[in-house]
Amino acid sequence: MIVFRAWDSKNKEMLYPNNENVFSSGHRNSFVIGGGGKAFCLSKRTEVLGVKIIQSTGYDDATGEDIYDGDIIESALKYLVFYDFDSAMFRASYGVSISDLMYIIESDIKPRVIGNKYETPDLLKIT
């Protein structure tokens, strides 16, 4: 099953769907994911602007938490998870170095999600 979450850039809030795949928040009308990965308001039947739909990679971290596109994971290093359209796979970057996410997941040190580029971008700073 493909799992999604959504980043509300206007209200700086990560949203998760209920059991019927409907996203809701106190700041926005309820919406669903429509064609082209866009958010559509249920009551107005219009596109919801300022919402980024984010797909799960299908992998779990060391604690069993889903790893999503845009997550920052940590094993021996901190990586930013992203979908590479050219290779049609999820990958992870550390600075200019890029690895297949699968290799990091299957390494001896199973990574854990420590944040994401939307809510905790400061974690991407290499010190």
Protein backbone atom coordinates (compact mmCIF):
# COMPACT_ATOMS: atom_id res chain seq x y z
CA MET A 1 0.00 0.00 0.00
CA ILE A 2 1.30 3.46 -0.87
CA VAL A 3 1.28 5.80 2.13
CA PHE A 4 1.28 9.60 1.97
CA ARG A 5 1.48 12.61 4.24
CA ALA A 6 1.22 16.29 3.34
CA TRP A 7 3.19 19.42 4.23
CA ASP A 8 1.06 22.54 4.64
CA SER A 9 3.58 25.27 3.78
CA LYS A 10 1.20 28.09 4.70
CA ASN A 11 0.62 26.86 8.27
CA LYS A 12 3.97 25.03 8.64
CA GLU A 13 2.22 21.80 9.62
CA MET A 14 2.72 18.14 8.65
CA LEU A 15 -0.63 16.43 8.03
CA TYR A 16 -1.45 12.72 8.05
CA PRO A 17 -4.55 11.10 6.54
CA ASN A 18 -7.24 9.34 8.53
CA ASN A 19 -8.36 5.76 7.74
CA GLU A 20 -10.32 7.01 4.72
CA ASN A 21 -7.28 8.85 3.26
CA VAL A 22 -8.76 12.25 4.09
CA PHE A 23 -6.39 14.93 5.39
CA SER A 24 -7.72 17.52 7.80
CA SER A 25 -6.48 20.22 10.12
CA GLY A 26 -7.92 23.08 12.11
CA HIS A 27 -6.35 25.47 9.59
CA ARG A 28 -7.68 24.02 6.31
CA ASN A 29 -10.72 22.39 4.79
CA SER A 30 -10.43 18.61 4.51
CA PHE A 31 -8.76 17.39 1.34
CA VAL A 32 -7.83 14.23 -0.54
CA ILE A 33 -5.06 13.38 -2.99
CA GLY A 34 -6.23 13.61 -6.56
CA GLY A 35 -4.72 13.11 -9.98
CA GLY A 36 -1.14 14.23 -10.44
CA GLY A 37 -0.45 14.09 -6.71
CA LYS A 38 -2.39 17.29 -6.05
CA ALA A 39 -4.55 18.04 -3.02
CA PHE A 40 -8.26 18.62 -3.67
CA CYS A 41 -10.70 20.19 -1.21
CA LEU A 42 -13.67 17.92 -0.49
CA SER A 43 -16.22 20.68 0.11
CA LYS A 44 -15.22 23.06 -2.69
CA ARG A 45 -13.97 20.50 -5.25
CA THR A 46 -10.97 22.71 -6.03
CA GLU A 47 -7.22 22.26 -5.80
CA VAL A 48 -5.68 23.15 -2.44
CA LEU A 49 -2.65 25.39 -2.92
CA GLY A 50 0.36 25.41 -0.61
CA VAL A 51 0.22 21.69 0.13
CA LYS A 52 3.04 19.31 -0.84
CA ILE A 53 2.06 15.63 -1.02
CA ILE A 54 4.86 13.40 0.28
CA GLN A 55 5.14 9.66 -0.41
CA SER A 56 6.47 7.02 1.95
CA THR A 57 9.49 5.08 0.70
CA GLY A 58 8.03 1.78 1.87
CA TYR A 59 10.93 1.36 4.31
CA ASP A 60 10.87 1.63 8.10
CA ASP A 61 13.60 3.05 10.29
CA ALA A 62 15.18 1.38 13.35
CA THR A 63 12.14 2.29 15.48
CA GLY A 64 9.55 1.07 12.96
CA GLU A 65 8.63 4.58 11.78
CA ASP A 66 7.86 5.06 8.07
CA ILE A 67 10.59 6.81 6.08
CA TYR A 68 9.23 9.46 3.70
CA ASP A 69 10.63 11.48 0.83
CA GLY A 70 12.25 14.54 2.45
CA ASP A 71 13.05 12.80 5.74
CA ILE A 72 16.42 13.21 7.39
CA ILE A 73 17.76 9.88 8.57
CA GLU A 74 20.80 9.10 10.67
CA SER A 75 22.97 6.01 10.81
CA ALA A 76 26.71 6.59 10.72
CA LEU A 77 25.94 9.87 8.86
CA LYS A 78 22.91 12.13 8.33
CA TYR A 79 21.19 11.68 4.99
CA LEU A 80 18.37 13.46 3.18
CA VAL A 81 15.96 10.99 1.56
CA PHE A 82 14.66 11.91 -1.90
CA TYR A 83 13.04 10.32 -4.93
CA ASP A 84 15.34 10.21 -7.95
CA PHE A 85 13.16 10.36 -11.05
CA ASP A 86 16.07 9.51 -13.37
CA SER A 87 16.70 6.16 -11.66
CA ALA A 88 13.08 5.69 -10.46
CA MET A 89 14.13 4.91 -6.90
CA PHE A 90 14.48 6.48 -3.48
CA ARG A 91 17.98 7.63 -2.70
CA ALA A 92 19.74 9.42 0.14
CA SER A 93 22.30 12.19 -0.02
CA TYR A 94 25.04 13.29 2.35
CA GLY A 95 26.50 16.51 1.00
CA VAL A 96 27.37 15.71 -2.63
CA SER A 97 27.51 11.97 -2.00
CA ILE A 98 24.41 9.99 -3.09
CA SER A 99 23.52 6.40 -2.14
CA ASP A 100 20.63 4.08 -2.88
CA LEU A 101 18.32 4.20 0.15
CA MET A 102 18.04 0.40 0.12
CA TYR A 103 21.78 0.03 0.84
CA ILE A 104 21.56 2.36 3.83
CA ILE A 105 18.48 0.53 5.16
CA GLU A 106 20.23 -2.83 4.87
CA SER A 107 23.51 -1.65 6.43
CA ASP A 108 24.76 -2.84 9.82
CA ILE A 109 23.61 0.40 11.46
CA LYS A 110 19.89 0.67 10.73
CA PRO A 111 19.01 4.37 10.31
CA ARG A 112 16.39 6.26 12.26
CA VAL A 113 14.33 9.25 11.21
CA ILE A 114 15.48 12.34 13.09
CA GLY A 115 13.43 14.95 11.22
CA ASN A 116 12.57 16.21 7.76
CA LYS A 117 13.51 19.06 5.46
CA TYR A 118 10.21 20.84 6.10
CA GLU A 119 9.97 20.95 9.89
CA THR A 120 13.63 20.60 10.88
CA PRO A 121 15.81 21.86 8.00
CA ASP A 122 18.60 22.84 10.41
CA LEU A 123 19.40 19.13 10.80
CA LEU A 124 20.74 19.18 7.23
CA LYS A 125 23.66 21.39 8.19
CA ILE A 126 26.90 19.44 8.05
CA THR A 127 29.06 20.22 11.06
